[in-house]
Amino acid sequence: MDEKRATDLFGALSQETRLKIVRMLVVAGPDGMAAGAVAEAAGVSPSNVSFHLKELERVGLVTATRESRSIIYTAAYDHLADLIRFLMEDCCAGRPEICAPATAVAQCCVPDGRGTSLNSETA
């Protein structure tokens, strides 16, 4: 990942509602959440959440899938993992033992959706 791409992702995450949405979708796992459920859980109007979801989708942090009359949004775990790797790639001047706690957290979830929450209050 280059710095421009990282800046785009961080820019999208720098807004409070969008950060909350991404965190909710990470917790929701691969089943994701319908747009209406995202709006309700985030405490914002459907039009407001639609605006934020479109921005998150534009930068690739969430994906949208139509299921019947609903649009289901899921976190783009691969892009989130790339962002974490970008932050950690030159970790600790070649002393990986210093970064071990951070890299362990970055590997908390496995692809099938099981894993641990970083913040048990939001899980």
PDB file of N, CA and C in Angstrom:
ATOM      1  N   MET A   1       0.853  -1.175   0.000  1.00  0.00           N
ATOM      2  CA  MET A   1       0.000   0.000   0.000  1.00  0.00           C
ATOM      3  C   MET A   1       0.895   1.232   0.000  1.00  0.00           C
ATOM      4  N   ASP A   2       0.528   2.193  -0.827  1.00  0.00           N
ATOM      5  CA  ASP A   2       1.304   3.422  -0.849  1.00  0.00           C
ATOM      6  C   ASP A   2       0.678   4.463   0.083  1.00  0.00           C
ATOM      7  N   GLU A   3       1.395   5.541   0.310  1.00  0.00           N
ATOM      8  CA  GLU A   3       0.930   6.565   1.250  1.00  0.00           C
ATOM      9  C   GLU A   3      -0.361   7.238   0.792  1.00  0.00           C
ATOM     10  N   LYS A   4      -0.546   7.414  -0.505  1.00  0.00           N
ATOM     11  CA  LYS A   4      -1.778   8.031  -1.015  1.00  0.00           C
ATOM     12  C   LYS A   4      -2.987   7.172  -0.654  1.00  0.00           C
ATOM     13  N   ARG A   5      -2.867   5.869  -0.869  1.00  0.00           N
ATOM     14  CA  ARG A   5      -3.969   4.951  -0.547  1.00  0.00           C
ATOM     15  C   ARG A   5      -4.238   4.961   0.962  1.00  0.00           C
ATOM     16  N   ALA A   6      -3.194   4.917   1.765  1.00  0.00           N
ATOM     17  CA  ALA A   6      -3.362   4.958   3.223  1.00  0.00           C
ATOM     18  C   ALA A   6      -4.029   6.259   3.654  1.00  0.00           C
ATOM     19  N   THR A   7      -3.643   7.366   3.038  1.00  0.00           N
ATOM     20  CA  THR A   7      -4.250   8.652   3.362  1.00  0.00           C
ATOM     21  C   THR A   7      -5.744   8.649   3.034  1.00  0.00           C
ATOM     22  N   ASP A   8      -6.115   8.061   1.902  1.00  0.00           N
ATOM     23  CA  ASP A   8      -7.533   7.965   1.535  1.00  0.00           C
ATOM     24  C   ASP A   8      -8.317   7.154   2.575  1.00  0.00           C
ATOM     25  N   LEU A   9      -7.739   6.031   2.995  1.00  0.00           N
ATOM     26  CA  LEU A   9      -8.422   5.182   3.985  1.00  0.00           C
ATOM     27  C   LEU A   9      -8.526   5.883   5.331  1.00  0.00           C
ATOM     28  N   PHE A  10      -7.442   6.483   5.771  1.00  0.00           N
ATOM     29  CA  PHE A  10      -7.482   7.208   7.045  1.00  0.00           C
ATOM     30  C   PHE A  10      -8.429   8.403   6.963  1.00  0.00           C
ATOM     31  N   GLY A  11      -8.484   9.053   5.808  1.00  0.00           N
ATOM     32  CA  GLY A  11      -9.405  10.173   5.633  1.00  0.00           C
ATOM     33  C   GLY A  11     -10.853   9.731   5.817  1.00  0.00           C
ATOM     34  N   ALA A  12     -11.189   8.589   5.251  1.00  0.00           N
ATOM     35  CA  ALA A  12     -12.553   8.076   5.404  1.00  0.00           C
ATOM     36  C   ALA A  12     -12.835   7.711   6.852  1.00  0.00           C
ATOM     37  N   LEU A  13     -11.854   7.179   7.535  1.00  0.00           N
ATOM     38  CA  LEU A  13     -12.032   6.766   8.936  1.00  0.00           C
ATOM     39  C   LEU A  13     -11.949   7.927   9.914  1.00  0.00           C
ATOM     40  N   SER A  14     -11.545   9.085   9.454  1.00  0.00           N
ATOM     41  CA  SER A  14     -11.348  10.212  10.375  1.00  0.00           C
ATOM     42  C   SER A  14     -12.655  10.902  10.759  1.00  0.00           C
ATOM     43  N   GLN A  15     -13.757  10.457  10.211  1.00  0.00           N
ATOM     44  CA  GLN A  15     -15.067  11.007  10.570  1.00  0.00           C
ATOM     45  C   GLN A  15     -15.717  10.056  11.583  1.00  0.00           C
ATOM     46  N   GLU A  16     -16.244  10.600  12.661  1.00  0.00           N
ATOM     47  CA  GLU A  16     -16.735   9.798  13.787  1.00  0.00           C
ATOM     48  C   GLU A  16     -17.792   8.758  13.397  1.00  0.00           C
ATOM     49  N   THR A  17     -18.769   9.136  12.614  1.00  0.00           N
ATOM     50  CA  THR A  17     -19.821   8.187  12.237  1.00  0.00           C
ATOM     51  C   THR A  17     -19.267   7.074  11.369  1.00  0.00           C
ATOM     52  N   ARG A  18     -18.378   7.411  10.432  1.00  0.00           N
ATOM     53  CA  ARG A  18     -17.803   6.370   9.573  1.00  0.00           C
ATOM     54  C   ARG A  18     -16.938   5.410  10.369  1.00  0.00           C
ATOM     55  N   LEU A  19     -16.177   5.915  11.316  1.00  0.00           N
ATOM     56  CA  LEU A  19     -15.371   5.032  12.159  1.00  0.00           C
ATOM     57  C   LEU A  19     -16.286   4.092  12.952  1.00  0.00           C
ATOM     58  N   LYS A  20     -17.361   4.625  13.498  1.00  0.00           N
ATOM     59  CA  LYS A  20     -18.324   3.811  14.246  1.00  0.00           C
ATOM     60  C   LYS A  20     -18.919   2.727  13.346  1.00  0.00           C
ATOM     61  N   ILE A  21     -19.265   3.085  12.121  1.00  0.00           N
ATOM     62  CA  ILE A  21     -19.845   2.123  11.183  1.00  0.00           C
ATOM     63  C   ILE A  21     -18.866   0.999  10.878  1.00  0.00           C
ATOM     64  N   VAL A  22     -17.624   1.344  10.583  1.00  0.00           N
ATOM     65  CA  VAL A  22     -16.634   0.308  10.273  1.00  0.00           C
ATOM     66  C   VAL A  22     -16.452  -0.627  11.468  1.00  0.00           C
ATOM     67  N   ARG A  23     -16.373  -0.068  12.651  1.00  0.00           N
ATOM     68  CA  ARG A  23     -16.214  -0.909  13.850  1.00  0.00           C
ATOM     69  C   ARG A  23     -17.422  -1.821  14.043  1.00  0.00           C
ATOM     70  N   MET A  24     -18.626  -1.313  13.792  1.00  0.00           N
ATOM     71  CA  MET A  24     -19.824  -2.153  13.894  1.00  0.00           C
ATOM     72  C   MET A  24     -19.793  -3.281  12.878  1.00  0.00           C
ATOM     73  N   LEU A  25     -19.368  -2.969  11.659  1.00  0.00           N
ATOM     74  CA  LEU A  25     -19.332  -3.993  10.625  1.00  0.00           C
ATOM     75  C   LEU A  25     -18.247  -5.025  10.891  1.00  0.00           C
ATOM     76  N   VAL A  26     -17.147  -4.624  11.489  1.00  0.00           N
ATOM     77  CA  VAL A  26     -16.110  -5.590  11.875  1.00  0.00           C
ATOM     78  C   VAL A  26     -16.682  -6.560  12.901  1.00  0.00           C
ATOM     79  N   VAL A  27     -17.419  -6.040  13.870  1.00  0.00           N
ATOM     80  CA  VAL A  27     -18.039  -6.888  14.893  1.00  0.00           C
ATOM     81  C   VAL A  27     -19.100  -7.793  14.271  1.00  0.00           C
ATOM     82  N   ALA A  28     -19.847  -7.280  13.297  1.00  0.00           N
ATOM     83  CA  ALA A  28     -20.913  -8.059  12.659  1.00  0.00           C
ATOM     84  C   ALA A  28     -20.373  -9.273  11.911  1.00  0.00           C
ATOM     85  N   GLY A  29     -19.125  -9.211  11.491  1.00  0.00           N
ATOM     86  CA  GLY A  29     -18.524 -10.348  10.799  1.00  0.00           C
ATOM     87  C   GLY A  29     -18.947 -10.443   9.344  1.00  0.00           C
ATOM     88  N   PRO A  30     -18.726 -11.605   8.749  1.00  0.00           N
ATOM     89  CA  PRO A  30     -18.968 -11.756   7.313  1.00  0.00           C
ATOM     90  C   PRO A  30     -20.441 -11.688   6.913  1.00  0.00           C
ATOM     91  N   ASP A  31     -21.360 -11.840   7.857  1.00  0.00           N
ATOM     92  CA  ASP A  31     -22.785 -11.711   7.537  1.00  0.00           C
ATOM     93  C   ASP A  31     -23.170 -10.260   7.326  1.00  0.00           C
ATOM     94  N   GLY A  32     -22.407  -9.324   7.859  1.00  0.00           N
ATOM     95  CA  GLY A  32     -22.659  -7.905   7.680  1.00  0.00           C
ATOM     96  C   GLY A  32     -23.940  -7.439   8.332  1.00  0.00           C
ATOM     97  N   MET A  33     -24.388  -6.265   7.906  1.00  0.00           N
ATOM     98  CA  MET A  33     -25.600  -5.662   8.437  1.00  0.00           C
ATOM     99  C   MET A  33     -26.345  -4.949   7.321  1.00  0.00           C
ATOM    100  N   ALA A  34     -27.666  -4.981   7.396  1.00  0.00           N
ATOM    101  CA  ALA A  34     -28.477  -4.223   6.450  1.00  0.00           C
ATOM    102  C   ALA A  34     -28.299  -2.737   6.734  1.00  0.00           C
ATOM    103  N   ALA A  35     -28.452  -1.930   5.707  1.00  0.00           N
ATOM    104  CA  ALA A  35     -28.253  -0.484   5.843  1.00  0.00           C
ATOM    105  C   ALA A  35     -29.148   0.099   6.934  1.00  0.00           C
ATOM    106  N   GLY A  36     -30.392  -0.337   7.008  1.00  0.00           N
ATOM    107  CA  GLY A  36     -31.300   0.165   8.038  1.00  0.00           C
ATOM    108  C   GLY A  36     -30.833  -0.164   9.436  1.00  0.00           C
ATOM    109  N   ALA A  37     -30.296  -1.367   9.613  1.00  0.00           N
ATOM    110  CA  ALA A  37     -29.776  -1.766  10.925  1.00  0.00           C
ATOM    111  C   ALA A  37     -28.535  -0.960  11.284  1.00  0.00           C
ATOM    112  N   VAL A  38     -27.722  -0.645  10.280  1.00  0.00           N
ATOM    113  CA  VAL A  38     -26.544   0.190  10.514  1.00  0.00           C
ATOM    114  C   VAL A  38     -26.981   1.573  10.979  1.00  0.00           C
ATOM    115  N   ALA A  39     -27.982   2.143  10.303  1.00  0.00           N
ATOM    116  CA  ALA A  39     -28.474   3.476  10.675  1.00  0.00           C
ATOM    117  C   ALA A  39     -29.001   3.466  12.105  1.00  0.00           C
ATOM    118  N   GLU A  40     -29.790   2.461  12.440  1.00  0.00           N
ATOM    119  CA  GLU A  40     -30.356   2.381  13.785  1.00  0.00           C
ATOM    120  C   GLU A  40     -29.265   2.235  14.842  1.00  0.00           C
ATOM    121  N   ALA A  41     -28.334   1.335  14.599  1.00  0.00           N
ATOM    122  CA  ALA A  41     -27.257   1.100  15.568  1.00  0.00           C
ATOM    123  C   ALA A  41     -26.344   2.321  15.713  1.00  0.00           C
ATOM    124  N   ALA A  42     -26.149   3.050  14.627  1.00  0.00           N
ATOM    125  CA  ALA A  42     -25.287   4.237  14.668  1.00  0.00           C
ATOM    126  C   ALA A  42     -26.027   5.458  15.207  1.00  0.00           C
ATOM    127  N   GLY A  43     -27.347   5.360  15.281  1.00  0.00           N
ATOM    128  CA  GLY A  43     -28.128   6.478  15.796  1.00  0.00           C
ATOM    129  C   GLY A  43     -28.223   7.645  14.832  1.00  0.00           C
ATOM    130  N   VAL A  44     -28.252   7.337  13.535  1.00  0.00           N
ATOM    131  CA  VAL A  44     -28.359   8.381  12.524  1.00  0.00           C
ATOM    132  C   VAL A  44     -29.500   8.042  11.564  1.00  0.00           C
ATOM    133  N   SER A  45     -29.907   9.004  10.779  1.00  0.00           N
ATOM    134  CA  SER A  45     -30.990   8.793   9.821  1.00  0.00           C
ATOM    135  C   SER A  45     -30.523   7.887   8.680  1.00  0.00           C
ATOM    136  N   PRO A  46     -31.477   7.222   8.016  1.00  0.00           N
ATOM    137  CA  PRO A  46     -31.097   6.389   6.864  1.00  0.00           C
ATOM    138  C   PRO A  46     -30.351   7.166   5.778  1.00  0.00           C
ATOM    139  N   SER A  47     -30.753   8.406   5.516  1.00  0.00           N
ATOM    140  CA  SER A  47     -30.046   9.175   4.487  1.00  0.00           C
ATOM    141  C   SER A  47     -28.627   9.514   4.922  1.00  0.00           C
ATOM    142  N   ASN A  48     -28.457   9.789   6.207  1.00  0.00           N
ATOM    143  CA  ASN A  48     -27.124  10.091   6.729  1.00  0.00           C
ATOM    144  C   ASN A  48     -26.222   8.866   6.643  1.00  0.00           C
ATOM    145  N   VAL A  49     -26.734   7.709   7.055  1.00  0.00           N
ATOM    146  CA  VAL A  49     -25.907   6.502   7.015  1.00  0.00           C
ATOM    147  C   VAL A  49     -25.596   6.123   5.574  1.00  0.00           C
ATOM    148  N   SER A  50     -26.533   6.360   4.662  1.00  0.00           N
ATOM    149  CA  SER A  50     -26.291   6.071   3.254  1.00  0.00           C
ATOM    150  C   SER A  50     -25.116   6.898   2.724  1.00  0.00           C
ATOM    151  N   PHE A  51     -25.074   8.163   3.085  1.00  0.00           N
ATOM    152  CA  PHE A  51     -23.967   9.036   2.693  1.00  0.00           C
ATOM    153  C   PHE A  51     -22.635   8.468   3.183  1.00  0.00           C
ATOM    154  N   HIS A  52     -22.580   8.068   4.449  1.00  0.00           N
ATOM    155  CA  HIS A  52     -21.334   7.558   5.021  1.00  0.00           C
ATOM    156  C   HIS A  52     -20.958   6.197   4.440  1.00  0.00           C
ATOM    157  N   LEU A  53     -21.951   5.331   4.239  1.00  0.00           N
ATOM    158  CA  LEU A  53     -21.657   4.019   3.654  1.00  0.00           C
ATOM    159  C   LEU A  53     -21.127   4.154   2.231  1.00  0.00           C
ATOM    160  N   LYS A  54     -21.654   5.083   1.479  1.00  0.00           N
ATOM    161  CA  LYS A  54     -21.159   5.287   0.103  1.00  0.00           C
ATOM    162  C   LYS A  54     -19.697   5.735   0.117  1.00  0.00           C
ATOM    163  N   GLU A  55     -19.331   6.595   1.046  1.00  0.00           N
ATOM    164  CA  GLU A  55     -17.934   7.036   1.144  1.00  0.00           C
ATOM    165  C   GLU A  55     -17.032   5.869   1.552  1.00  0.00           C
ATOM    166  N   LEU A  56     -17.474   5.065   2.497  1.00  0.00           N
ATOM    167  CA  LEU A  56     -16.685   3.910   2.927  1.00  0.00           C
ATOM    168  C   LEU A  56     -16.561   2.886   1.798  1.00  0.00           C
ATOM    169  N   GLU A  57     -17.623   2.726   1.038  1.00  0.00           N
ATOM    170  CA  GLU A  57     -17.576   1.817  -0.110  1.00  0.00           C
ATOM    171  C   GLU A  57     -16.648   2.364  -1.194  1.00  0.00           C
ATOM    172  N   ARG A  58     -16.698   3.676  -1.416  1.00  0.00           N
ATOM    173  CA  ARG A  58     -15.854   4.310  -2.433  1.00  0.00           C
ATOM    174  C   ARG A  58     -14.374   4.041  -2.191  1.00  0.00           C
ATOM    175  N   VAL A  59     -13.946   4.118  -0.931  1.00  0.00           N
ATOM    176  CA  VAL A  59     -12.525   3.890  -0.631  1.00  0.00           C
ATOM    177  C   VAL A  59     -12.204   2.415  -0.429  1.00  0.00           C
ATOM    178  N   GLY A  60     -13.217   1.564  -0.412  1.00  0.00           N
ATOM    179  CA  GLY A  60     -12.974   0.126  -0.324  1.00  0.00           C
ATOM    180  C   GLY A  60     -12.954  -0.448   1.078  1.00  0.00           C
ATOM    181  N   LEU A  61     -13.448   0.297   2.075  1.00  0.00           N
ATOM    182  CA  LEU A  61     -13.451  -0.230   3.442  1.00  0.00           C
ATOM    183  C   LEU A  61     -14.676  -1.069   3.746  1.00  0.00           C
ATOM    184  N   VAL A  62     -15.728  -0.939   2.950  1.00  0.00           N
ATOM    185  CA  VAL A  62     -16.904  -1.791   3.083  1.00  0.00           C
ATOM    186  C   VAL A  62     -17.334  -2.249   1.699  1.00  0.00           C
ATOM    187  N   THR A  63     -18.055  -3.360   1.679  1.00  0.00           N
ATOM    188  CA  THR A  63     -18.640  -3.855   0.439  1.00  0.00           C
ATOM    189  C   THR A  63     -20.146  -3.945   0.623  1.00  0.00           C
ATOM    190  N   ALA A  64     -20.872  -3.796  -0.476  1.00  0.00           N
ATOM    191  CA  ALA A  64     -22.326  -3.840  -0.451  1.00  0.00           C
ATOM    192  C   ALA A  64     -22.808  -4.983  -1.338  1.00  0.00           C
ATOM    193  N   THR A  65     -23.792  -5.722  -0.831  1.00  0.00           N
ATOM    194  CA  THR A  65     -24.387  -6.818  -1.574  1.00  0.00           C
ATOM    195  C   THR A  65     -25.902  -6.709  -1.450  1.00  0.00           C
ATOM    196  N   ARG A  66     -26.578  -6.770  -2.560  1.00  0.00           N
ATOM    197  CA  ARG A  66     -28.045  -6.720  -2.527  1.00  0.00           C
ATOM    198  C   ARG A  66     -28.579  -8.105  -2.182  1.00  0.00           C
ATOM    199  N   GLU A  67     -29.458  -8.138  -1.187  1.00  0.00           N
ATOM    200  CA  GLU A  67     -30.173  -9.357  -0.808  1.00  0.00           C
ATOM    201  C   GLU A  67     -31.649  -9.008  -0.760  1.00  0.00           C
ATOM    202  N   SER A  68     -32.374  -9.438  -1.775  1.00  0.00           N
ATOM    203  CA  SER A  68     -33.792  -9.120  -1.888  1.00  0.00           C
ATOM    204  C   SER A  68     -33.953  -7.600  -1.946  1.00  0.00           C
ATOM    205  N   ARG A  69     -34.670  -7.021  -0.984  1.00  0.00           N
ATOM    206  CA  ARG A  69     -34.881  -5.573  -0.993  1.00  0.00           C
ATOM    207  C   ARG A  69     -33.877  -4.824  -0.121  1.00  0.00           C
ATOM    208  N   SER A  70     -32.956  -5.539   0.499  1.00  0.00           N
ATOM    209  CA  SER A  70     -31.984  -4.918   1.407  1.00  0.00           C
ATOM    210  C   SER A  70     -30.597  -4.866   0.769  1.00  0.00           C
ATOM    211  N   ILE A  71     -29.826  -3.914   1.226  1.00  0.00           N
ATOM    212  CA  ILE A  71     -28.402  -3.881   0.878  1.00  0.00           C
ATOM    213  C   ILE A  71     -27.648  -4.221   2.151  1.00  0.00           C
ATOM    214  N   ILE A  72     -26.830  -5.273   2.071  1.00  0.00           N
ATOM    215  CA  ILE A  72     -26.059  -5.731   3.213  1.00  0.00           C
ATOM    216  C   ILE A  72     -24.631  -5.219   3.063  1.00  0.00           C
ATOM    217  N   TYR A  73     -24.155  -4.562   4.093  1.00  0.00           N
ATOM    218  CA  TYR A  73     -22.791  -4.022   4.098  1.00  0.00           C
ATOM    219  C   TYR A  73     -21.912  -4.872   4.986  1.00  0.00           C
ATOM    220  N   THR A  74     -20.714  -5.142   4.520  1.00  0.00           N
ATOM    221  CA  THR A  74     -19.733  -5.891   5.299  1.00  0.00           C
ATOM    222  C   THR A  74     -18.406  -5.139   5.288  1.00  0.00           C
ATOM    223  N   ALA A  75     -17.637  -5.340   6.332  1.00  0.00           N
ATOM    224  CA  ALA A  75     -16.298  -4.752   6.393  1.00  0.00           C
ATOM    225  C   ALA A  75     -15.413  -5.434   5.364  1.00  0.00           C
ATOM    226  N   ALA A  76     -14.557  -4.670   4.724  1.00  0.00           N
ATOM    227  CA  ALA A  76     -13.582  -5.217   3.766  1.00  0.00           C
ATOM    228  C   ALA A  76     -12.319  -5.551   4.560  1.00  0.00           C
ATOM    229  N   TYR A  77     -12.333  -6.737   5.149  1.00  0.00           N
ATOM    230  CA  TYR A  77     -11.250  -7.144   6.047  1.00  0.00           C
ATOM    231  C   TYR A  77      -9.884  -7.108   5.378  1.00  0.00           C
ATOM    232  N   ASP A  78      -9.827  -7.439   4.095  1.00  0.00           N
ATOM    233  CA  ASP A  78      -8.536  -7.429   3.408  1.00  0.00           C
ATOM    234  C   ASP A  78      -7.952  -6.019   3.344  1.00  0.00           C
ATOM    235  N   HIS A  79      -8.788  -5.021   3.101  1.00  0.00           N
ATOM    236  CA  HIS A  79      -8.290  -3.645   3.033  1.00  0.00           C
ATOM    237  C   HIS A  79      -7.932  -3.118   4.427  1.00  0.00           C
ATOM    238  N   LEU A  80      -8.701  -3.506   5.434  1.00  0.00           N
ATOM    239  CA  LEU A  80      -8.358  -3.121   6.812  1.00  0.00           C
ATOM    240  C   LEU A  80      -7.034  -3.757   7.224  1.00  0.00           C
ATOM    241  N   ALA A  81      -6.839  -5.019   6.854  1.00  0.00           N
ATOM    242  CA  ALA A  81      -5.576  -5.697   7.171  1.00  0.00           C
ATOM    243  C   ALA A  81      -4.404  -5.041   6.448  1.00  0.00           C
ATOM    244  N   ASP A  82      -4.627  -4.640   5.188  1.00  0.00           N
ATOM    245  CA  ASP A  82      -3.570  -3.941   4.447  1.00  0.00           C
ATOM    246  C   ASP A  82      -3.182  -2.640   5.141  1.00  0.00           C
ATOM    247  N   LEU A  83      -4.165  -1.939   5.680  1.00  0.00           N
ATOM    248  CA  LEU A  83      -3.895  -0.682   6.381  1.00  0.00           C
ATOM    249  C   LEU A  83      -3.071  -0.933   7.647  1.00  0.00           C
ATOM    250  N   ILE A  84      -3.415  -1.975   8.368  1.00  0.00           N
ATOM    251  CA  ILE A  84      -2.643  -2.325   9.564  1.00  0.00           C
ATOM    252  C   ILE A  84      -1.216  -2.712   9.176  1.00  0.00           C
ATOM    253  N   ARG A  85      -1.090  -3.518   8.118  1.00  0.00           N
ATOM    254  CA  ARG A  85       0.256  -3.896   7.656  1.00  0.00           C
ATOM    255  C   ARG A  85       1.058  -2.670   7.240  1.00  0.00           C
ATOM    256  N   PHE A  86       0.412  -1.716   6.566  1.00  0.00           N
ATOM    257  CA  PHE A  86       1.091  -0.489   6.163  1.00  0.00           C
ATOM    258  C   PHE A  86       1.662   0.227   7.385  1.00  0.00           C
ATOM    259  N   LEU A  87       0.886   0.312   8.443  1.00  0.00           N
ATOM    260  CA  LEU A  87       1.358   0.981   9.660  1.00  0.00           C
ATOM    261  C   LEU A  87       2.508   0.234  10.320  1.00  0.00           C
ATOM    262  N   MET A  88       2.498  -1.083  10.222  1.00  0.00           N
ATOM    263  CA  MET A  88       3.449  -1.900  10.968  1.00  0.00           C
ATOM    264  C   MET A  88       4.644  -2.389  10.139  1.00  0.00           C
ATOM    265  N   GLU A  89       4.682  -2.104   8.856  1.00  0.00           N
ATOM    266  CA  GLU A  89       5.685  -2.741   7.998  1.00  0.00           C
ATOM    267  C   GLU A  89       7.139  -2.430   8.369  1.00  0.00           C
ATOM    268  N   ASP A  90       7.428  -1.296   8.909  1.00  0.00           N
ATOM    269  CA  ASP A  90       8.795  -0.963   9.305  1.00  0.00           C
ATOM    270  C   ASP A  90       8.914  -0.906  10.819  1.00  0.00           C
ATOM    271  N   CYS A  91       8.210  -1.773  11.467  1.00  0.00           N
ATOM    272  CA  CYS A  91       8.045  -1.738  12.913  1.00  0.00           C
ATOM    273  C   CYS A  91       9.361  -1.829  13.689  1.00  0.00           C
ATOM    274  N   CYS A  92       9.534  -0.903  14.560  1.00  0.00           N
ATOM    275  CA  CYS A  92      10.532  -0.958  15.635  1.00  0.00           C
ATOM    276  C   CYS A  92      11.962  -1.158  15.166  1.00  0.00           C
ATOM    277  N   ALA A  93      12.310  -0.579  14.066  1.00  0.00           N
ATOM    278  CA  ALA A  93      13.698  -0.587  13.577  1.00  0.00           C
ATOM    279  C   ALA A  93      14.316  -1.984  13.570  1.00  0.00           C
ATOM    280  N   GLY A  94      13.563  -2.948  13.070  1.00  0.00           N
ATOM    281  CA  GLY A  94      14.098  -4.297  12.952  1.00  0.00           C
ATOM    282  C   GLY A  94      14.060  -5.114  14.230  1.00  0.00           C
ATOM    283  N   ARG A  95      13.326  -4.667  15.231  1.00  0.00           N
ATOM    284  CA  ARG A  95      13.204  -5.410  16.488  1.00  0.00           C
ATOM    285  C   ARG A  95      11.756  -5.863  16.650  1.00  0.00           C
ATOM    286  N   PRO A  96      11.372  -6.937  15.956  1.00  0.00           N
ATOM    287  CA  PRO A  96       9.974  -7.359  15.936  1.00  0.00           C
ATOM    288  C   PRO A  96       9.401  -7.721  17.301  1.00  0.00           C
ATOM    289  N   GLU A  97      10.242  -8.066  18.243  1.00  0.00           N
ATOM    290  CA  GLU A  97       9.724  -8.421  19.573  1.00  0.00           C
ATOM    291  C   GLU A  97       9.027  -7.239  20.249  1.00  0.00           C
ATOM    292  N   ILE A  98       9.446  -6.024  19.895  1.00  0.00           N
ATOM    293  CA  ILE A  98       8.805  -4.833  20.453  1.00  0.00           C
ATOM    294  C   ILE A  98       7.381  -4.706  19.915  1.00  0.00           C
ATOM    295  N   CYS A  99       7.184  -5.093  18.674  1.00  0.00           N
ATOM    296  CA  CYS A  99       5.878  -4.957  18.030  1.00  0.00           C
ATOM    297  C   CYS A  99       4.980  -6.172  18.233  1.00  0.00           C
ATOM    298  N   ALA A 100       5.444  -7.192  18.898  1.00  0.00           N
ATOM    299  CA  ALA A 100       4.664  -8.420  19.054  1.00  0.00           C
ATOM    300  C   ALA A 100       3.256  -8.170  19.596  1.00  0.00           C
ATOM    301  N   PRO A 101       3.069  -7.343  20.629  1.00  0.00           N
ATOM    302  CA  PRO A 101       1.687  -7.125  21.092  1.00  0.00           C
ATOM    303  C   PRO A 101       0.787  -6.513  20.017  1.00  0.00           C
ATOM    304  N   ALA A 102       1.297  -5.585  19.251  1.00  0.00           N
ATOM    305  CA  ALA A 102       0.492  -4.938  18.212  1.00  0.00           C
ATOM    306  C   ALA A 102       0.172  -5.907  17.081  1.00  0.00           C
ATOM    307  N   THR A 103       1.121  -6.718  16.681  1.00  0.00           N
ATOM    308  CA  THR A 103       0.864  -7.653  15.594  1.00  0.00           C
ATOM    309  C   THR A 103      -0.065  -8.774  16.044  1.00  0.00           C
ATOM    310  N   ALA A 104      -0.042  -9.132  17.315  1.00  0.00           N
ATOM    311  CA  ALA A 104      -0.971 -10.141  17.828  1.00  0.00           C
ATOM    312  C   ALA A 104      -2.397  -9.616  17.757  1.00  0.00           C
ATOM    313  N   VAL A 105      -2.598  -8.359  18.086  1.00  0.00           N
ATOM    314  CA  VAL A 105      -3.926  -7.744  17.999  1.00  0.00           C
ATOM    315  C   VAL A 105      -4.389  -7.714  16.555  1.00  0.00           C
ATOM    316  N   ALA A 106      -3.497  -7.415  15.633  1.00  0.00           N
ATOM    317  CA  ALA A 106      -3.855  -7.326  14.219  1.00  0.00           C
ATOM    318  C   ALA A 106      -4.301  -8.674  13.670  1.00  0.00           C
ATOM    319  N   GLN A 107      -3.949  -9.770  14.326  1.00  0.00           N
ATOM    320  CA  GLN A 107      -4.323 -11.097  13.866  1.00  0.00           C
ATOM    321  C   GLN A 107      -5.441 -11.697  14.705  1.00  0.00           C
ATOM    322  N   CYS A 108      -6.217 -10.851  15.384  1.00  0.00           N
ATOM    323  CA  CYS A 108      -7.221 -11.341  16.320  1.00  0.00           C
ATOM    324  C   CYS A 108      -8.356 -12.096  15.649  1.00  0.00           C
ATOM    325  N   CYS A 109      -8.651 -11.806  14.409  1.00  0.00           N
ATOM    326  CA  CYS A 109      -9.787 -12.430  13.739  1.00  0.00           C
ATOM    327  C   CYS A 109      -9.309 -13.349  12.628  1.00  0.00           C
ATOM    328  N   VAL A 110     -10.042 -14.403  12.424  1.00  0.00           N
ATOM    329  CA  VAL A 110      -9.743 -15.325  11.328  1.00  0.00           C
ATOM    330  C   VAL A 110     -10.798 -15.142  10.252  1.00  0.00           C
ATOM    331  N   PRO A 111     -10.519 -15.563   9.013  1.00  0.00           N
ATOM    332  CA  PRO A 111     -11.417 -15.279   7.899  1.00  0.00           C
ATOM    333  C   PRO A 111     -12.851 -15.764   8.052  1.00  0.00           C
ATOM    334  N   ASP A 112     -13.122 -16.787   8.848  1.00  0.00           N
ATOM    335  CA  ASP A 112     -14.500 -17.274   8.949  1.00  0.00           C
ATOM    336  C   ASP A 112     -15.341 -16.460   9.915  1.00  0.00           C
ATOM    337  N   GLY A 113     -14.778 -15.355  10.448  1.00  0.00           N
ATOM    338  CA  GLY A 113     -15.555 -14.453  11.283  1.00  0.00           C
ATOM    339  C   GLY A 113     -15.409 -14.680  12.773  1.00  0.00           C
ATOM    340  N   ARG A 114     -14.744 -15.759  13.160  1.00  0.00           N
ATOM    341  CA  ARG A 114     -14.527 -15.972  14.587  1.00  0.00           C
ATOM    342  C   ARG A 114     -13.354 -15.135  15.024  1.00  0.00           C
ATOM    343  N   GLY A 115     -13.283 -14.825  16.270  1.00  0.00           N
ATOM    344  CA  GLY A 115     -12.160 -14.069  16.786  1.00  0.00           C
ATOM    345  C   GLY A 115     -12.556 -13.355  18.059  1.00  0.00           C
ATOM    346  N   THR A 116     -11.680 -12.508  18.504  1.00  0.00           N
ATOM    347  CA  THR A 116     -11.936 -11.783  19.720  1.00  0.00           C
ATOM    348  C   THR A 116     -12.122 -10.319  19.417  1.00  0.00           C
ATOM    349  N   SER A 117     -12.825  -9.665  20.281  1.00  0.00           N
ATOM    350  CA  SER A 117     -13.050  -8.238  20.124  1.00  0.00           C
ATOM    351  C   SER A 117     -11.929  -7.468  20.786  1.00  0.00           C
ATOM    352  N   LEU A 118     -11.546  -6.366  20.172  1.00  0.00           N
ATOM    353  CA  LEU A 118     -10.539  -5.510  20.782  1.00  0.00           C
ATOM    354  C   LEU A 118     -11.133  -4.754  21.947  1.00  0.00           C
ATOM    355  N   ASN A 119     -12.445  -4.570  21.935  1.00  0.00           N
ATOM    356  CA  ASN A 119     -13.119  -3.796  22.978  1.00  0.00           C
ATOM    357  C   ASN A 119     -14.384  -4.534  23.353  1.00  0.00           C
ATOM    358  N   SER A 120     -14.368  -5.237  24.456  1.00  0.00           N
ATOM    359  CA  SER A 120     -15.489  -6.081  24.821  1.00  0.00           C
ATOM    360  C   SER A 120     -16.765  -5.279  25.050  1.00  0.00           C
ATOM    361  N   GLU A 121     -16.674  -3.966  25.278  1.00  0.00           N
ATOM    362  CA  GLU A 121     -17.862  -3.150  25.473  1.00  0.00           C
ATOM    363  C   GLU A 121     -18.654  -2.995  24.196  1.00  0.00           C
ATOM    364  N   THR A 122     -17.975  -3.077  23.023  1.00  0.00           N
ATOM    365  CA  THR A 122     -18.679  -2.878  21.761  1.00  0.00           C
ATOM    366  C   THR A 122     -19.054  -4.197  21.105  1.00  0.00           C
ATOM    367  N   ALA A 123     -18.638  -5.289  21.657  1.00  0.00           N
ATOM    368  CA  ALA A 123     -18.925  -6.594  21.035  1.00  0.00           C
ATOM    369  C   ALA A 123     -20.287  -7.093  21.439  1.00  0.00           C
TER     370      ALA A 123
END
